[in-house]
Amino acid sequence: SARAAATALAKSRGVDPKGAVPDDVKREFLRQAAERYFAGAADAIRKADPNHMVLGARFAGTGGAHEIVWRAAGKHCDLVTFNCYPWADIDRNTVVNGNWGNAEPVYDVFKRVYDMVGKPLLITEWSFLGLDVGTPHRLEVAQEFPTQALRAAAVGSFRRLIGRLPFVIGDEFYRWSDEAVSANGRMETMNWGLVDLHGRPHEEVVKAMRKP
């Protein structure tokens, strides 16, 4: 059905769908697809469950979707949700989106998203890792710190930042507990949590989460 819709759109614009398709036609197809997805999903949710908000698609970061898709999400959803794994410079009390080789201040990124969607933002996943508890995660998703104290400082910096942004209405920390996974035949601890594998709090991080 998607191919049929794309072919029909191309032909309506006088374009051979088997040849080079101009960018404006591609963007129009993206707009139609995004509208179809968000309008259909939101209408179905509101029909079945009219007393709850539509929380969006939980975008995997802020850089993977075209502006057209963000705008469609804002048009049809009550909130716009996304994951964000920031990087913190503890010495400068600065938090950026992405690593230092390709970084932009978090405020600038979140404000740009808000300007596109015009709806409140909810951060649905974020975290920092400490290297002093087992073996760190190796997917290079989150920033790693040598100690829980430095990890806590990064947590505090990010929490204070988003607390000052009126268009960010909440956040969800990943995750409650550290996790144990089997890698190469041995157990390794991933330090995502507020508590360790035995339920003992990482005290510095918990204190940072509690501060306003």
N, C-alpha and C. Protein backbone atom coordinates (compact mmCIF):
# COMPACT_ATOMS: atom_id res chain seq x y z
N SER A 1 0.83 -1.21 0.00
CA SER A 1 0.00 0.00 0.00
C SER A 1 0.87 1.26 0.00
N ALA A 2 1.99 1.22 0.72
CA ALA A 2 2.87 2.38 0.74
C ALA A 2 3.49 2.62 -0.63
N ARG A 3 3.90 1.54 -1.28
CA ARG A 3 4.49 1.69 -2.62
C ARG A 3 3.44 2.21 -3.61
N ALA A 4 2.21 1.72 -3.49
CA ALA A 4 1.15 2.18 -4.38
C ALA A 4 0.89 3.67 -4.17
N ALA A 5 0.89 4.11 -2.90
CA ALA A 5 0.66 5.52 -2.61
C ALA A 5 1.81 6.37 -3.14
N ALA A 6 3.03 5.90 -2.98
CA ALA A 6 4.20 6.64 -3.48
C ALA A 6 4.17 6.73 -5.00
N THR A 7 3.81 5.64 -5.66
CA THR A 7 3.73 5.63 -7.12
C THR A 7 2.66 6.60 -7.61
N ALA A 8 1.51 6.58 -6.93
CA ALA A 8 0.42 7.48 -7.33
C ALA A 8 0.82 8.94 -7.15
N LEU A 9 1.49 9.25 -6.05
CA LEU A 9 1.93 10.63 -5.82
C LEU A 9 2.91 11.07 -6.88
N ALA A 10 3.89 10.20 -7.19
CA ALA A 10 4.88 10.56 -8.20
C ALA A 10 4.22 10.82 -9.55
N LYS A 11 3.31 9.96 -9.93
CA LYS A 11 2.64 10.13 -11.22
C LYS A 11 1.79 11.40 -11.24
N SER A 12 1.17 11.73 -10.09
CA SER A 12 0.36 12.96 -10.04
C SER A 12 1.21 14.21 -10.20
N ARG A 13 2.50 14.09 -9.92
CA ARG A 13 3.44 15.21 -10.09
C ARG A 13 4.20 15.13 -11.41
N GLY A 14 3.80 14.18 -12.27
CA GLY A 14 4.47 14.04 -13.56
C GLY A 14 5.86 13.45 -13.46
N VAL A 15 6.08 12.63 -12.43
CA VAL A 15 7.40 12.05 -12.19
C VAL A 15 7.33 10.55 -12.41
N ASP A 16 8.33 10.01 -13.10
CA ASP A 16 8.44 8.57 -13.28
C ASP A 16 8.96 7.96 -11.97
N PRO A 17 8.14 7.18 -11.25
CA PRO A 17 8.57 6.65 -9.96
C PRO A 17 9.76 5.71 -10.04
N LYS A 18 10.08 5.24 -11.24
CA LYS A 18 11.23 4.35 -11.41
C LYS A 18 12.51 5.14 -11.70
N GLY A 19 12.38 6.43 -11.86
CA GLY A 19 13.54 7.25 -12.14
C GLY A 19 13.92 8.09 -10.94
N ALA A 20 14.57 9.22 -11.20
CA ALA A 20 14.99 10.12 -10.13
C ALA A 20 13.77 10.92 -9.64
N VAL A 21 13.49 10.81 -8.37
CA VAL A 21 12.34 11.50 -7.79
C VAL A 21 12.83 12.77 -7.10
N PRO A 22 12.28 13.93 -7.45
CA PRO A 22 12.72 15.19 -6.84
C PRO A 22 12.49 15.21 -5.33
N ASP A 23 13.29 16.01 -4.64
CA ASP A 23 13.21 16.07 -3.19
C ASP A 23 11.86 16.55 -2.70
N ASP A 24 11.24 17.49 -3.43
CA ASP A 24 9.95 18.00 -2.96
C ASP A 24 8.88 16.93 -3.00
N VAL A 25 8.97 16.02 -3.94
CA VAL A 25 8.01 14.91 -4.01
C VAL A 25 8.27 13.92 -2.87
N LYS A 26 9.54 13.67 -2.59
CA LYS A 26 9.87 12.79 -1.47
C LYS A 26 9.36 13.37 -0.16
N ARG A 27 9.54 14.68 0.02
CA ARG A 27 9.07 15.32 1.26
C ARG A 27 7.55 15.26 1.37
N GLU A 28 6.87 15.42 0.25
CA GLU A 28 5.42 15.34 0.30
C GLU A 28 4.96 13.94 0.67
N PHE A 29 5.64 12.92 0.17
CA PHE A 29 5.29 11.55 0.55
C PHE A 29 5.55 11.33 2.04
N LEU A 30 6.67 11.86 2.53
CA LEU A 30 6.96 11.74 3.96
C LEU A 30 5.87 12.43 4.78
N ARG A 31 5.44 13.61 4.34
CA ARG A 31 4.38 14.32 5.05
C ARG A 31 3.10 13.50 5.09
N GLN A 32 2.73 12.92 3.95
CA GLN A 32 1.51 12.11 3.90
C GLN A 32 1.61 10.89 4.81
N ALA A 33 2.78 10.24 4.80
CA ALA A 33 2.97 9.06 5.64
C ALA A 33 2.90 9.42 7.11
N ALA A 34 3.57 10.53 7.50
CA ALA A 34 3.56 10.94 8.90
C ALA A 34 2.16 11.34 9.34
N GLU A 35 1.44 12.06 8.49
CA GLU A 35 0.07 12.45 8.81
C GLU A 35 -0.81 11.22 8.98
N ARG A 36 -0.66 10.28 8.07
CA ARG A 36 -1.47 9.05 8.13
C ARG A 36 -1.21 8.29 9.42
N TYR A 37 0.07 8.20 9.79
CA TYR A 37 0.43 7.44 11.00
C TYR A 37 -0.09 8.13 12.25
N PHE A 38 0.27 9.40 12.45
CA PHE A 38 -0.08 10.07 13.71
C PHE A 38 -1.57 10.35 13.80
N ALA A 39 -2.21 10.74 12.70
CA ALA A 39 -3.65 10.99 12.74
C ALA A 39 -4.41 9.69 13.02
N GLY A 40 -4.03 8.62 12.33
CA GLY A 40 -4.72 7.35 12.52
C GLY A 40 -4.56 6.80 13.92
N ALA A 41 -3.31 6.84 14.42
CA ALA A 41 -3.05 6.31 15.75
C ALA A 41 -3.75 7.15 16.82
N ALA A 42 -3.65 8.48 16.71
CA ALA A 42 -4.26 9.34 17.72
C ALA A 42 -5.78 9.23 17.71
N ASP A 43 -6.37 9.17 16.54
CA ASP A 43 -7.83 9.04 16.46
C ASP A 43 -8.30 7.73 17.07
N ALA A 44 -7.56 6.65 16.80
CA ALA A 44 -7.94 5.34 17.35
C ALA A 44 -7.83 5.33 18.87
N ILE A 45 -6.75 5.93 19.40
CA ILE A 45 -6.57 5.97 20.85
C ILE A 45 -7.67 6.80 21.50
N ARG A 46 -7.96 7.95 20.93
CA ARG A 46 -8.97 8.83 21.54
C ARG A 46 -10.37 8.19 21.46
N LYS A 47 -10.63 7.45 20.42
CA LYS A 47 -11.93 6.78 20.31
C LYS A 47 -12.08 5.70 21.38
N ALA A 48 -11.01 4.94 21.61
CA ALA A 48 -11.07 3.83 22.57
C ALA A 48 -10.85 4.29 24.00
N ASP A 49 -10.11 5.39 24.19
CA ASP A 49 -9.71 5.82 25.54
C ASP A 49 -9.68 7.34 25.59
N PRO A 50 -10.86 7.98 25.57
CA PRO A 50 -10.91 9.44 25.43
C PRO A 50 -10.43 10.22 26.64
N ASN A 51 -10.22 9.57 27.77
CA ASN A 51 -9.86 10.28 29.00
C ASN A 51 -8.36 10.32 29.27
N HIS A 52 -7.57 9.83 28.32
CA HIS A 52 -6.13 9.85 28.52
C HIS A 52 -5.43 10.56 27.36
N MET A 53 -4.23 11.05 27.64
CA MET A 53 -3.49 11.78 26.62
C MET A 53 -2.78 10.85 25.65
N VAL A 54 -2.58 11.35 24.47
CA VAL A 54 -1.78 10.65 23.45
C VAL A 54 -0.34 11.14 23.60
N LEU A 55 0.56 10.23 23.93
CA LEU A 55 1.92 10.60 24.32
C LEU A 55 2.94 10.51 23.19
N GLY A 56 2.50 10.30 21.98
CA GLY A 56 3.44 10.35 20.88
C GLY A 56 4.16 9.04 20.64
N ALA A 57 5.23 9.12 19.84
CA ALA A 57 5.89 7.92 19.31
C ALA A 57 7.18 7.57 20.02
N ARG A 58 7.58 8.37 21.02
CA ARG A 58 8.83 8.12 21.75
C ARG A 58 10.00 8.01 20.76
N PHE A 59 10.30 9.13 20.13
CA PHE A 59 11.38 9.17 19.16
C PHE A 59 12.70 8.73 19.79
N ALA A 60 13.49 8.00 19.03
CA ALA A 60 14.80 7.52 19.51
C ALA A 60 15.83 8.64 19.31
N GLY A 61 15.79 9.62 20.19
CA GLY A 61 16.69 10.76 20.06
C GLY A 61 16.01 11.90 19.33
N THR A 62 16.75 13.00 19.16
CA THR A 62 16.20 14.19 18.54
C THR A 62 16.68 14.40 17.12
N GLY A 63 17.59 13.57 16.64
CA GLY A 63 18.18 13.83 15.34
C GLY A 63 17.80 12.86 14.23
N GLY A 64 17.00 11.85 14.54
CA GLY A 64 16.75 10.82 13.55
C GLY A 64 15.56 11.04 12.66
N ALA A 65 14.67 11.96 13.03
CA ALA A 65 13.45 12.18 12.25
C ALA A 65 13.49 13.55 11.58
N HIS A 66 12.91 13.62 10.42
CA HIS A 66 12.81 14.87 9.67
C HIS A 66 11.84 15.83 10.37
N GLU A 67 12.04 17.12 10.17
CA GLU A 67 11.15 18.12 10.76
C GLU A 67 9.69 17.87 10.39
N ILE A 68 9.45 17.37 9.21
CA ILE A 68 8.08 17.07 8.77
C ILE A 68 7.42 16.08 9.73
N VAL A 69 8.17 15.09 10.18
CA VAL A 69 7.62 14.07 11.08
C VAL A 69 7.36 14.66 12.46
N TRP A 70 8.30 15.47 12.96
CA TRP A 70 8.09 16.12 14.26
C TRP A 70 6.83 16.98 14.22
N ARG A 71 6.64 17.73 13.16
CA ARG A 71 5.46 18.61 13.08
C ARG A 71 4.17 17.81 13.04
N ALA A 72 4.17 16.68 12.37
CA ALA A 72 2.99 15.82 12.34
C ALA A 72 2.69 15.28 13.74
N ALA A 73 3.74 14.91 14.47
CA ALA A 73 3.55 14.43 15.84
C ALA A 73 2.93 15.53 16.70
N GLY A 74 3.44 16.74 16.59
CA GLY A 74 2.90 17.84 17.38
C GLY A 74 1.47 18.17 17.03
N LYS A 75 1.11 18.00 15.78
CA LYS A 75 -0.24 18.31 15.32
C LYS A 75 -1.27 17.36 15.94
N HIS A 76 -0.91 16.10 16.11
CA HIS A 76 -1.91 15.10 16.48
C HIS A 76 -1.76 14.56 17.91
N CYS A 77 -0.63 14.79 18.57
CA CYS A 77 -0.41 14.24 19.90
C CYS A 77 -0.59 15.33 20.96
N ASP A 78 -0.88 14.91 22.19
CA ASP A 78 -1.00 15.85 23.30
C ASP A 78 0.36 16.21 23.87
N LEU A 79 1.28 15.26 23.85
CA LEU A 79 2.67 15.47 24.23
C LEU A 79 3.55 14.90 23.13
N VAL A 80 4.78 15.36 23.07
CA VAL A 80 5.76 14.75 22.17
C VAL A 80 6.86 14.15 23.03
N THR A 81 7.15 12.89 22.81
CA THR A 81 8.06 12.13 23.67
C THR A 81 9.28 11.68 22.88
N PHE A 82 10.43 11.65 23.57
CA PHE A 82 11.66 11.21 22.90
C PHE A 82 12.69 10.81 23.95
N ASN A 83 13.61 9.96 23.55
CA ASN A 83 14.75 9.59 24.38
C ASN A 83 15.89 10.57 24.14
N CYS A 84 16.73 10.74 25.16
CA CYS A 84 17.87 11.64 25.02
C CYS A 84 18.98 11.17 25.95
N TYR A 85 20.16 10.91 25.39
CA TYR A 85 21.32 10.55 26.22
C TYR A 85 22.33 11.69 26.13
N PRO A 86 22.25 12.65 27.06
CA PRO A 86 23.10 13.83 26.99
C PRO A 86 24.52 13.54 27.44
N TRP A 87 25.42 14.49 27.17
CA TRP A 87 26.79 14.45 27.65
C TRP A 87 27.02 15.67 28.53
N ALA A 88 27.66 15.47 29.66
CA ALA A 88 27.84 16.54 30.63
C ALA A 88 29.32 16.87 30.81
N ASP A 89 29.63 18.16 30.83
CA ASP A 89 30.95 18.65 31.21
C ASP A 89 30.82 19.17 32.64
N ILE A 90 31.28 18.37 33.59
CA ILE A 90 31.10 18.70 35.00
C ILE A 90 31.82 19.99 35.36
N ASP A 91 33.02 20.18 34.85
CA ASP A 91 33.81 21.37 35.19
C ASP A 91 33.13 22.66 34.74
N ARG A 92 32.50 22.61 33.58
CA ARG A 92 31.85 23.81 33.03
C ARG A 92 30.36 23.86 33.34
N ASN A 93 29.84 22.84 34.00
CA ASN A 93 28.41 22.75 34.30
C ASN A 93 27.58 22.92 33.02
N THR A 94 28.01 22.20 31.99
CA THR A 94 27.38 22.28 30.67
C THR A 94 26.89 20.91 30.26
N VAL A 95 25.72 20.87 29.65
CA VAL A 95 25.18 19.61 29.14
C VAL A 95 24.86 19.79 27.67
N VAL A 96 25.31 18.83 26.87
CA VAL A 96 25.09 18.92 25.43
C VAL A 96 24.37 17.67 24.95
N ASN A 97 23.79 17.78 23.77
CA ASN A 97 23.11 16.66 23.15
C ASN A 97 24.08 16.03 22.16
N GLY A 98 24.44 14.77 22.39
CA GLY A 98 25.45 14.12 21.57
C GLY A 98 26.80 14.18 22.24
N ASN A 99 27.79 13.53 21.65
CA ASN A 99 29.12 13.56 22.26
C ASN A 99 29.87 14.81 21.79
N TRP A 100 31.07 14.96 22.31
CA TRP A 100 31.77 16.23 22.09
C TRP A 100 32.20 16.44 20.66
N GLY A 101 32.26 15.39 19.88
CA GLY A 101 32.62 15.58 18.48
C GLY A 101 31.48 16.13 17.65
N ASN A 102 30.26 15.99 18.15
CA ASN A 102 29.09 16.46 17.39
C ASN A 102 28.05 16.92 18.40
N ALA A 103 28.35 18.02 19.10
CA ALA A 103 27.57 18.41 20.26
C ALA A 103 26.87 19.74 20.03
N GLU A 104 25.72 19.88 20.70
CA GLU A 104 24.95 21.11 20.68
C GLU A 104 24.32 21.26 22.05
N PRO A 105 24.27 22.46 22.61
CA PRO A 105 23.66 22.64 23.93
C PRO A 105 22.26 22.05 23.99
N VAL A 106 21.97 21.34 25.08
CA VAL A 106 20.68 20.69 25.22
C VAL A 106 19.54 21.70 25.10
N TYR A 107 19.72 22.87 25.69
CA TYR A 107 18.64 23.86 25.60
C TYR A 107 18.30 24.17 24.15
N ASP A 108 19.30 24.38 23.32
CA ASP A 108 19.06 24.72 21.92
C ASP A 108 18.31 23.60 21.20
N VAL A 109 18.70 22.35 21.48
CA VAL A 109 18.06 21.21 20.84
C VAL A 109 16.60 21.11 21.26
N PHE A 110 16.36 21.16 22.57
CA PHE A 110 14.99 21.01 23.07
C PHE A 110 14.10 22.17 22.63
N LYS A 111 14.66 23.39 22.60
CA LYS A 111 13.86 24.53 22.15
C LYS A 111 13.51 24.40 20.68
N ARG A 112 14.43 23.91 19.88
CA ARG A 112 14.14 23.71 18.46
C ARG A 112 13.03 22.67 18.28
N VAL A 113 13.09 21.59 19.05
CA VAL A 113 12.03 20.58 18.98
C VAL A 113 10.69 21.19 19.38
N TYR A 114 10.70 21.94 20.48
CA TYR A 114 9.46 22.55 20.94
C TYR A 114 8.89 23.52 19.91
N ASP A 115 9.75 24.30 19.28
CA ASP A 115 9.28 25.23 18.26
C ASP A 115 8.66 24.49 17.08
N MET A 116 9.15 23.29 16.78
CA MET A 116 8.58 22.52 15.68
C MET A 116 7.23 21.92 16.05
N VAL A 117 7.11 21.40 17.27
CA VAL A 117 5.91 20.63 17.61
C VAL A 117 4.84 21.46 18.29
N GLY A 118 5.23 22.49 19.04
CA GLY A 118 4.25 23.31 19.72
C GLY A 118 3.47 22.60 20.80
N LYS A 119 4.02 21.54 21.33
CA LYS A 119 3.39 20.77 22.39
C LYS A 119 4.41 20.50 23.50
N PRO A 120 3.95 20.25 24.73
CA PRO A 120 4.90 19.94 25.81
C PRO A 120 5.75 18.72 25.46
N LEU A 121 6.97 18.70 26.00
CA LEU A 121 7.91 17.62 25.74
C LEU A 121 8.06 16.75 26.99
N LEU A 122 8.16 15.46 26.78
CA LEU A 122 8.43 14.49 27.85
C LEU A 122 9.64 13.66 27.43
N ILE A 123 10.70 13.70 28.24
CA ILE A 123 11.89 12.90 27.96
C ILE A 123 11.66 11.51 28.53
N THR A 124 11.61 10.52 27.68
CA THR A 124 11.19 9.18 28.10
C THR A 124 12.34 8.24 28.43
N GLU A 125 13.57 8.70 28.24
CA GLU A 125 14.70 7.84 28.63
C GLU A 125 15.97 8.67 28.61
N TRP A 126 16.73 8.60 29.72
CA TRP A 126 18.05 9.22 29.79
C TRP A 126 18.82 8.60 30.95
N SER A 127 20.14 8.69 30.90
CA SER A 127 20.95 8.14 31.98
C SER A 127 22.41 8.50 31.76
N PHE A 128 23.19 8.28 32.80
CA PHE A 128 24.66 8.31 32.74
C PHE A 128 25.16 7.03 33.40
N LEU A 129 26.38 6.63 33.07
CA LEU A 129 26.95 5.39 33.58
C LEU A 129 28.17 5.66 34.46
N GLY A 130 28.37 4.81 35.46
CA GLY A 130 29.58 4.85 36.28
C GLY A 130 30.44 3.63 36.01
N LEU A 131 31.75 3.82 36.03
CA LEU A 131 32.67 2.72 35.74
C LEU A 131 33.13 1.97 36.99
N ASP A 132 32.67 2.40 38.15
CA ASP A 132 33.14 1.77 39.38
C ASP A 132 32.18 0.71 39.90
N VAL A 133 31.23 0.31 39.07
CA VAL A 133 30.28 -0.74 39.45
C VAL A 133 30.23 -1.74 38.31
N GLY A 134 31.03 -2.80 38.39
CA GLY A 134 31.01 -3.82 37.35
C GLY A 134 31.57 -3.30 36.04
N THR A 135 31.06 -3.84 34.96
CA THR A 135 31.54 -3.52 33.62
C THR A 135 30.58 -2.55 32.95
N PRO A 136 31.06 -1.49 32.34
CA PRO A 136 30.15 -0.52 31.73
C PRO A 136 29.50 -1.04 30.46
N HIS A 137 28.44 -0.41 30.10
CA HIS A 137 27.75 -0.71 28.86
C HIS A 137 28.68 -0.36 27.70
N ARG A 138 28.64 -1.15 26.64
CA ARG A 138 29.57 -0.92 25.54
C ARG A 138 28.87 -0.56 24.23
N LEU A 139 27.62 -0.14 24.28
CA LEU A 139 26.95 0.29 23.07
C LEU A 139 27.20 1.76 22.78
N GLU A 140 27.95 2.43 23.66
CA GLU A 140 28.28 3.85 23.50
C GLU A 140 27.03 4.70 23.37
N VAL A 141 26.02 4.35 24.16
CA VAL A 141 24.78 5.12 24.17
C VAL A 141 24.88 6.25 25.18
N ALA A 142 25.37 5.94 26.38
CA ALA A 142 25.41 6.92 27.46
C ALA A 142 26.84 7.28 27.81
N GLN A 143 27.02 8.48 28.35
CA GLN A 143 28.33 8.93 28.78
C GLN A 143 28.74 8.17 30.05
N GLU A 144 30.04 7.84 30.13
CA GLU A 144 30.56 7.06 31.25
C GLU A 144 31.45 7.94 32.13
N PHE A 145 31.34 7.74 33.46
CA PHE A 145 32.14 8.49 34.42
C PHE A 145 32.90 7.52 35.31
N PRO A 146 34.09 7.91 35.79
CA PRO A 146 34.90 6.99 36.60
C PRO A 146 34.25 6.59 37.92
N THR A 147 33.45 7.48 38.51
CA THR A 147 32.89 7.22 39.84
C THR A 147 31.42 7.59 39.89
N GLN A 148 30.75 7.07 40.94
CA GLN A 148 29.35 7.41 41.15
C GLN A 148 29.20 8.90 41.51
N ALA A 149 30.21 9.47 42.15
CA ALA A 149 30.13 10.88 42.51
C ALA A 149 30.09 11.76 41.26
N LEU A 150 30.93 11.45 40.28
CA LEU A 150 30.92 12.23 39.04
C LEU A 150 29.66 11.94 38.23
N ARG A 151 29.24 10.69 38.25
CA ARG A 151 27.96 10.34 37.60
C ARG A 151 26.82 11.15 38.21
N ALA A 152 26.82 11.26 39.53
CA ALA A 152 25.78 12.02 40.23
C ALA A 152 25.83 13.49 39.85
N ALA A 153 27.03 14.04 39.68
CA ALA A 153 27.15 15.43 39.28
C ALA A 153 26.53 15.66 37.90
N ALA A 154 26.73 14.71 37.00
CA ALA A 154 26.13 14.82 35.67
C ALA A 154 24.62 14.72 35.75
N VAL A 155 24.13 13.80 36.57
CA VAL A 155 22.69 13.67 36.78
C VAL A 155 22.11 14.99 37.29
N GLY A 156 22.76 15.57 38.28
CA GLY A 156 22.28 16.83 38.84
C GLY A 156 22.27 17.95 37.82
N SER A 157 23.31 18.03 37.00
CA SER A 157 23.39 19.08 35.99
C SER A 157 22.23 18.99 35.00
N PHE A 158 21.97 17.77 34.54
CA PHE A 158 20.89 17.60 33.57
C PHE A 158 19.53 17.86 34.19
N ARG A 159 19.33 17.38 35.42
CA ARG A 159 18.05 17.60 36.09
C ARG A 159 17.79 19.09 36.31
N ARG A 160 18.81 19.83 36.72
CA ARG A 160 18.62 21.26 36.93
C ARG A 160 18.29 21.98 35.63
N LEU A 161 18.94 21.54 34.56
CA LEU A 161 18.69 22.16 33.27
C LEU A 161 17.24 21.97 32.83
N ILE A 162 16.78 20.73 32.79
CA ILE A 162 15.43 20.49 32.29
C ILE A 162 14.38 21.05 33.24
N GLY A 163 14.73 21.19 34.52
CA GLY A 163 13.80 21.78 35.47
C GLY A 163 13.54 23.25 35.20
N ARG A 164 14.43 23.90 34.46
CA ARG A 164 14.27 25.31 34.13
C ARG A 164 13.56 25.53 32.79
N LEU A 165 13.22 24.46 32.10
CA LEU A 165 12.59 24.59 30.79
C LEU A 165 11.09 24.40 30.93
N PRO A 166 10.30 25.44 30.75
CA PRO A 166 8.86 25.33 31.00
C PRO A 166 8.14 24.40 30.03
N PHE A 167 8.74 24.15 28.88
CA PHE A 167 8.08 23.29 27.90
C PHE A 167 8.43 21.81 28.07
N VAL A 168 9.34 21.49 29.00
CA VAL A 168 9.64 20.09 29.33
C VAL A 168 8.87 19.77 30.61
N ILE A 169 7.88 18.90 30.53
CA ILE A 169 7.00 18.69 31.68
C ILE A 169 7.40 17.47 32.53
N GLY A 170 8.40 16.73 32.10
CA GLY A 170 8.83 15.60 32.91
C GLY A 170 9.90 14.78 32.22
N ASP A 171 10.41 13.80 32.97
CA ASP A 171 11.46 12.94 32.43
C ASP A 171 11.41 11.59 33.12
N GLU A 172 11.93 10.58 32.44
CA GLU A 172 12.00 9.23 32.97
C GLU A 172 13.45 8.75 32.90
N PHE A 173 14.00 8.46 34.07
CA PHE A 173 15.39 8.01 34.18
C PHE A 173 15.49 6.54 33.81
N TYR A 174 16.51 6.19 33.04
CA TYR A 174 16.76 4.79 32.72
C TYR A 174 17.95 4.31 33.55
N ARG A 175 17.76 3.50 34.55
CA ARG A 175 16.56 2.82 34.95
C ARG A 175 16.57 2.69 36.46
N TRP A 176 15.62 1.97 37.05
CA TRP A 176 15.56 1.84 38.51
C TRP A 176 16.76 1.06 39.04
N SER A 177 17.05 -0.08 38.41
CA SER A 177 18.08 -0.98 38.92
C SER A 177 19.17 -1.21 37.88
N ASP A 178 20.40 -1.41 38.36
CA ASP A 178 21.43 -1.93 37.48
C ASP A 178 20.94 -3.25 36.89
N GLU A 179 21.53 -3.65 35.78
CA GLU A 179 21.12 -4.92 35.19
C GLU A 179 22.32 -5.82 34.96
N ALA A 180 22.08 -7.10 35.07
CA ALA A 180 23.12 -8.10 34.83
C ALA A 180 22.79 -8.82 33.52
N VAL A 181 23.77 -8.89 32.65
CA VAL A 181 23.58 -9.59 31.38
C VAL A 181 24.73 -10.57 31.20
N SER A 182 24.47 -11.60 30.44
CA SER A 182 25.50 -12.58 30.17
C SER A 182 26.24 -12.19 28.91
N ALA A 183 27.54 -12.02 29.03
CA ALA A 183 28.36 -11.66 27.87
C ALA A 183 29.59 -12.54 27.86
N ASN A 184 29.79 -13.26 26.77
CA ASN A 184 30.95 -14.15 26.63
C ASN A 184 31.03 -15.15 27.78
N GLY A 185 29.88 -15.62 28.20
CA GLY A 185 29.85 -16.66 29.22
C GLY A 185 30.03 -16.19 30.64
N ARG A 186 30.05 -14.88 30.90
CA ARG A 186 30.18 -14.40 32.27
C ARG A 186 29.18 -13.28 32.52
N MET A 187 28.86 -13.08 33.79
CA MET A 187 27.91 -12.05 34.15
C MET A 187 28.61 -10.70 34.25
N GLU A 188 28.01 -9.68 33.70
CA GLU A 188 28.56 -8.34 33.78
C GLU A 188 27.47 -7.39 34.25
N THR A 189 27.83 -6.44 35.07
CA THR A 189 26.87 -5.49 35.62
C THR A 189 26.87 -4.20 34.81
N MET A 190 25.69 -3.79 34.37
CA MET A 190 25.52 -2.54 33.66
C MET A 190 24.99 -1.51 34.64
N ASN A 191 25.72 -0.43 34.82
CA ASN A 191 25.40 0.54 35.88
C ASN A 191 24.42 1.61 35.38
N TRP A 192 23.19 1.17 35.08
CA TRP A 192 22.16 2.11 34.66
C TRP A 192 21.38 2.66 35.85
N GLY A 193 21.35 1.93 36.96
CA GLY A 193 20.30 2.14 37.94
C GLY A 193 20.54 3.18 39.01
N LEU A 194 19.43 3.46 39.73
CA LEU A 194 19.51 4.20 40.98
C LEU A 194 19.91 3.29 42.12
N VAL A 195 19.67 1.98 41.95
CA VAL A 195 20.07 0.99 42.95
C VAL A 195 20.87 -0.10 42.25
N ASP A 196 21.67 -0.84 43.05
CA ASP A 196 22.46 -1.91 42.46
C ASP A 196 21.64 -3.18 42.35
N LEU A 197 22.28 -4.27 41.98
CA LEU A 197 21.56 -5.53 41.75
C LEU A 197 20.97 -6.10 43.03
N HIS A 198 21.41 -5.62 44.19
CA HIS A 198 20.89 -6.09 45.47
C HIS A 198 19.92 -5.08 46.09
N GLY A 199 19.53 -4.08 45.31
CA GLY A 199 18.58 -3.10 45.80
C GLY A 199 19.17 -2.01 46.67
N ARG A 200 20.51 -1.94 46.74
CA ARG A 200 21.16 -0.92 47.55
C ARG A 200 21.34 0.36 46.73
N PRO A 201 20.91 1.49 47.25
CA PRO A 201 20.96 2.74 46.47
C PRO A 201 22.39 3.17 46.15
N HIS A 202 22.56 3.72 44.98
CA HIS A 202 23.77 4.49 44.68
C HIS A 202 23.52 5.87 45.27
N GLU A 203 23.99 6.08 46.49
CA GLU A 203 23.55 7.20 47.32
C GLU A 203 23.77 8.56 46.65
N GLU A 204 24.95 8.76 46.03
CA GLU A 204 25.21 10.06 45.41
C GLU A 204 24.21 10.38 44.30
N VAL A 205 23.89 9.35 43.53
CA VAL A 205 22.97 9.55 42.41
C VAL A 205 21.56 9.81 42.93
N VAL A 206 21.15 9.07 43.95
CA VAL A 206 19.82 9.27 44.54
C VAL A 206 19.70 10.68 45.09
N LYS A 207 20.73 11.17 45.77
CA LYS A 207 20.70 12.54 46.31
C LYS A 207 20.58 13.56 45.18
N ALA A 208 21.31 13.32 44.09
CA ALA A 208 21.24 14.25 42.96
C ALA A 208 19.85 14.27 42.35
N MET A 209 19.17 13.12 42.33
CA MET A 209 17.83 13.06 41.78
C MET A 209 16.82 13.78 42.68
N ARG A 210 17.09 13.80 43.99
CA ARG A 210 16.16 14.41 44.93
C ARG A 210 16.25 15.93 44.96
N LYS A 211 17.39 16.48 44.58
CA LYS A 211 17.57 17.93 44.66
C LYS A 211 16.71 18.62 43.63
N PRO A 212 16.12 19.78 43.98
CA PRO A 212 15.30 20.52 43.03
C PRO A 212 16.15 21.12 41.91
